[in-house]
Amino acid sequence: MEPVNIDNIKAQMRKGILEYCILSILSKGDAYASVIINELKNSEMIVVEGTLYPLLTRQKNQGLLSYRWEESTQGPPRKYYSITERGQSVLDELDKVWADLVSTIEHIRNK
């Protein structure tokens, strides 16, 4: 019998909702990558920079995010990400999808 790798299953589930989490974080205010990573880690959604940057680039290329450079008093300039109107629309839709998904899973689990 093949062993079950729970950690792998958990990682795949988290990866699937990471883009939703990024939009959710940025809907509360502009942030640079380290702040986004810390927010995800504080929520036990572990992610590394090597995972985050490609997602931010993809979301920017899709028009969901924009960015600007700001000088920092603690080192080099920082790239601050912002959610766009399109990104907010997508987030609103993902909120509905998430609620439906949670409801469906609860229905299956409690049947």
C-alpha atoms as a PDB file:
ATOM      1  CA  MET A   1       0.000   0.000   0.000  1.00  0.00           C
ATOM      2  CA  GLU A   2       1.368   3.417  -0.999  1.00  0.00           C
ATOM      3  CA  PRO A   3       2.039   5.788   1.926  1.00  0.00           C
ATOM      4  CA  VAL A   4      -0.024   8.957   2.239  1.00  0.00           C
ATOM      5  CA  ASN A   5       2.037  12.134   2.255  1.00  0.00           C
ATOM      6  CA  ILE A   6      -0.180  14.523   4.250  1.00  0.00           C
ATOM      7  CA  ASP A   7       2.412  17.309   4.053  1.00  0.00           C
ATOM      8  CA  ASN A   8       2.332  17.133   0.254  1.00  0.00           C
ATOM      9  CA  ILE A   9      -1.467  17.263   0.193  1.00  0.00           C
ATOM     10  CA  LYS A  10      -1.449  20.262   2.530  1.00  0.00           C
ATOM     11  CA  ALA A  11       1.176  22.018   0.382  1.00  0.00           C
ATOM     12  CA  GLN A  12      -0.908  21.474  -2.769  1.00  0.00           C
ATOM     13  CA  MET A  13      -4.033  22.823  -1.076  1.00  0.00           C
ATOM     14  CA  ARG A  14      -2.164  25.919   0.115  1.00  0.00           C
ATOM     15  CA  LYS A  15      -0.607  26.522  -3.301  1.00  0.00           C
ATOM     16  CA  GLY A  16      -4.068  26.483  -4.846  1.00  0.00           C
ATOM     17  CA  ILE A  17      -5.314  29.340  -2.683  1.00  0.00           C
ATOM     18  CA  LEU A  18      -2.148  31.423  -2.508  1.00  0.00           C
ATOM     19  CA  GLU A  19      -3.160  33.849  -5.268  1.00  0.00           C
ATOM     20  CA  TYR A  20      -6.477  34.423  -3.503  1.00  0.00           C
ATOM     21  CA  CYS A  21      -4.605  35.127  -0.254  1.00  0.00           C
ATOM     22  CA  ILE A  22      -2.286  37.640  -1.969  1.00  0.00           C
ATOM     23  CA  LEU A  23      -5.237  39.585  -3.387  1.00  0.00           C
ATOM     24  CA  SER A  24      -6.927  39.491   0.031  1.00  0.00           C
ATOM     25  CA  ILE A  25      -3.847  40.906   1.760  1.00  0.00           C
ATOM     26  CA  LEU A  26      -3.420  43.691  -0.804  1.00  0.00           C
ATOM     27  CA  SER A  27      -7.118  44.599  -0.625  1.00  0.00           C
ATOM     28  CA  LYS A  28      -6.360  45.858   2.900  1.00  0.00           C
ATOM     29  CA  GLY A  29      -3.543  48.129   1.740  1.00  0.00           C
ATOM     30  CA  ASP A  30      -0.408  48.382  -0.361  1.00  0.00           C
ATOM     31  CA  ALA A  31       2.505  46.195   0.700  1.00  0.00           C
ATOM     32  CA  TYR A  32       5.949  45.089  -0.371  1.00  0.00           C
ATOM     33  CA  ALA A  33       6.942  41.433  -0.703  1.00  0.00           C
ATOM     34  CA  SER A  34       8.391  40.983   2.803  1.00  0.00           C
ATOM     35  CA  VAL A  35       5.168  42.261   4.378  1.00  0.00           C
ATOM     36  CA  ILE A  36       3.099  39.896   2.221  1.00  0.00           C
ATOM     37  CA  ILE A  37       5.330  36.958   3.190  1.00  0.00           C
ATOM     38  CA  ASN A  38       5.094  37.864   6.894  1.00  0.00           C
ATOM     39  CA  GLU A  39       1.318  38.145   6.691  1.00  0.00           C
ATOM     40  CA  LEU A  40       1.126  34.719   5.061  1.00  0.00           C
ATOM     41  CA  LYS A  41       3.504  33.203   7.628  1.00  0.00           C
ATOM     42  CA  ASN A  42       1.564  34.766  10.527  1.00  0.00           C
ATOM     43  CA  SER A  43      -1.516  33.044   9.131  1.00  0.00           C
ATOM     44  CA  GLU A  44       0.408  29.748   8.936  1.00  0.00           C
ATOM     45  CA  MET A  45       0.393  29.916   5.137  1.00  0.00           C
ATOM     46  CA  ILE A  46       4.114  29.246   4.777  1.00  0.00           C
ATOM     47  CA  VAL A  47       5.623  30.630   1.582  1.00  0.00           C
ATOM     48  CA  VAL A  48       9.102  31.584   0.434  1.00  0.00           C
ATOM     49  CA  GLU A  49      10.196  34.460  -1.794  1.00  0.00           C
ATOM     50  CA  GLY A  50      10.901  32.052  -4.650  1.00  0.00           C
ATOM     51  CA  THR A  51       7.213  31.116  -4.643  1.00  0.00           C
ATOM     52  CA  LEU A  52       5.815  34.598  -4.072  1.00  0.00           C
ATOM     53  CA  TYR A  53       7.616  36.615  -6.763  1.00  0.00           C
ATOM     54  CA  PRO A  54       6.402  34.550  -9.749  1.00  0.00           C
ATOM     55  CA  LEU A  55       2.828  34.819  -8.437  1.00  0.00           C
ATOM     56  CA  LEU A  56       3.129  38.592  -8.004  1.00  0.00           C
ATOM     57  CA  THR A  57       4.539  38.898 -11.534  1.00  0.00           C
ATOM     58  CA  ARG A  58       1.739  36.767 -12.988  1.00  0.00           C
ATOM     59  CA  GLN A  59      -0.921  38.774 -11.155  1.00  0.00           C
ATOM     60  CA  LYS A  60       0.685  42.018 -12.352  1.00  0.00           C
ATOM     61  CA  ASN A  61       0.747  40.739 -15.942  1.00  0.00           C
ATOM     62  CA  GLN A  62      -2.942  39.834 -15.632  1.00  0.00           C
ATOM     63  CA  GLY A  63      -3.710  43.398 -14.527  1.00  0.00           C
ATOM     64  CA  LEU A  64      -4.693  42.353 -11.008  1.00  0.00           C
ATOM     65  CA  LEU A  65      -1.834  44.225  -9.339  1.00  0.00           C
ATOM     66  CA  SER A  66       0.271  47.279  -9.983  1.00  0.00           C
ATOM     67  CA  TYR A  67       3.428  48.400  -8.238  1.00  0.00           C
ATOM     68  CA  ARG A  68       5.478  51.457  -7.467  1.00  0.00           C
ATOM     69  CA  TRP A  69       8.956  52.003  -6.083  1.00  0.00           C
ATOM     70  CA  GLU A  70       9.375  53.876  -2.791  1.00  0.00           C
ATOM     71  CA  GLU A  71      12.564  54.988  -1.107  1.00  0.00           C
ATOM     72  CA  SER A  72      13.292  53.228   2.167  1.00  0.00           C
ATOM     73  CA  THR A  73      15.066  54.564   5.231  1.00  0.00           C
ATOM     74  CA  GLN A  74      16.358  51.033   5.827  1.00  0.00           C
ATOM     75  CA  GLY A  75      18.154  50.057   2.630  1.00  0.00           C
ATOM     76  CA  PRO A  76      17.284  50.044  -1.066  1.00  0.00           C
ATOM     77  CA  PRO A  77      13.973  51.257  -2.530  1.00  0.00           C
ATOM     78  CA  ARG A  78      11.025  48.914  -2.030  1.00  0.00           C
ATOM     79  CA  LYS A  79       8.522  47.743  -4.617  1.00  0.00           C
ATOM     80  CA  TYR A  80       5.034  48.292  -3.193  1.00  0.00           C
ATOM     81  CA  TYR A  81       2.206  46.247  -4.712  1.00  0.00           C
ATOM     82  CA  SER A  82      -1.382  47.509  -4.988  1.00  0.00           C
ATOM     83  CA  ILE A  83      -4.548  45.740  -6.002  1.00  0.00           C
ATOM     84  CA  THR A  84      -6.137  47.207  -9.147  1.00  0.00           C
ATOM     85  CA  GLU A  85      -9.837  47.626  -9.910  1.00  0.00           C
ATOM     86  CA  ARG A  86      -9.651  44.465 -11.983  1.00  0.00           C
ATOM     87  CA  GLY A  87      -7.901  42.705  -9.096  1.00  0.00           C
ATOM     88  CA  GLN A  88     -10.658  43.795  -6.713  1.00  0.00           C
ATOM     89  CA  SER A  89     -13.305  42.456  -9.116  1.00  0.00           C
ATOM     90  CA  VAL A  90     -11.481  39.133  -9.316  1.00  0.00           C
ATOM     91  CA  LEU A  91     -11.152  39.067  -5.515  1.00  0.00           C
ATOM     92  CA  ASP A  92     -14.890  39.709  -5.135  1.00  0.00           C
ATOM     93  CA  GLU A  93     -15.582  36.763  -7.453  1.00  0.00           C
ATOM     94  CA  LEU A  94     -13.082  34.557  -5.602  1.00  0.00           C
ATOM     95  CA  ASP A  95     -14.825  35.434  -2.319  1.00  0.00           C
ATOM     96  CA  LYS A  96     -18.024  33.951  -3.774  1.00  0.00           C
ATOM     97  CA  VAL A  97     -16.186  30.902  -5.124  1.00  0.00           C
ATOM     98  CA  TRP A  98     -14.519  30.346  -1.728  1.00  0.00           C
ATOM     99  CA  ALA A  99     -17.842  30.590   0.139  1.00  0.00           C
ATOM    100  CA  ASP A 100     -19.418  28.116  -2.296  1.00  0.00           C
ATOM    101  CA  LEU A 101     -16.469  25.748  -1.964  1.00  0.00           C
ATOM    102  CA  VAL A 102     -16.552  25.818   1.841  1.00  0.00           C
ATOM    103  CA  SER A 103     -20.309  25.215   1.770  1.00  0.00           C
ATOM    104  CA  THR A 104     -19.888  22.287  -0.629  1.00  0.00           C
ATOM    105  CA  ILE A 105     -17.167  20.691   1.495  1.00  0.00           C
ATOM    106  CA  GLU A 106     -19.229  21.132   4.667  1.00  0.00           C
ATOM    107  CA  HIS A 107     -22.194  19.522   2.905  1.00  0.00           C
ATOM    108  CA  ILE A 108     -20.083  16.534   1.799  1.00  0.00           C
ATOM    109  CA  ARG A 109     -18.424  16.156   5.206  1.00  0.00           C
ATOM    110  CA  ASN A 110     -21.712  16.329   7.137  1.00  0.00           C
ATOM    111  CA  LYS A 111     -23.783  14.142   4.850  1.00  0.00           C
END
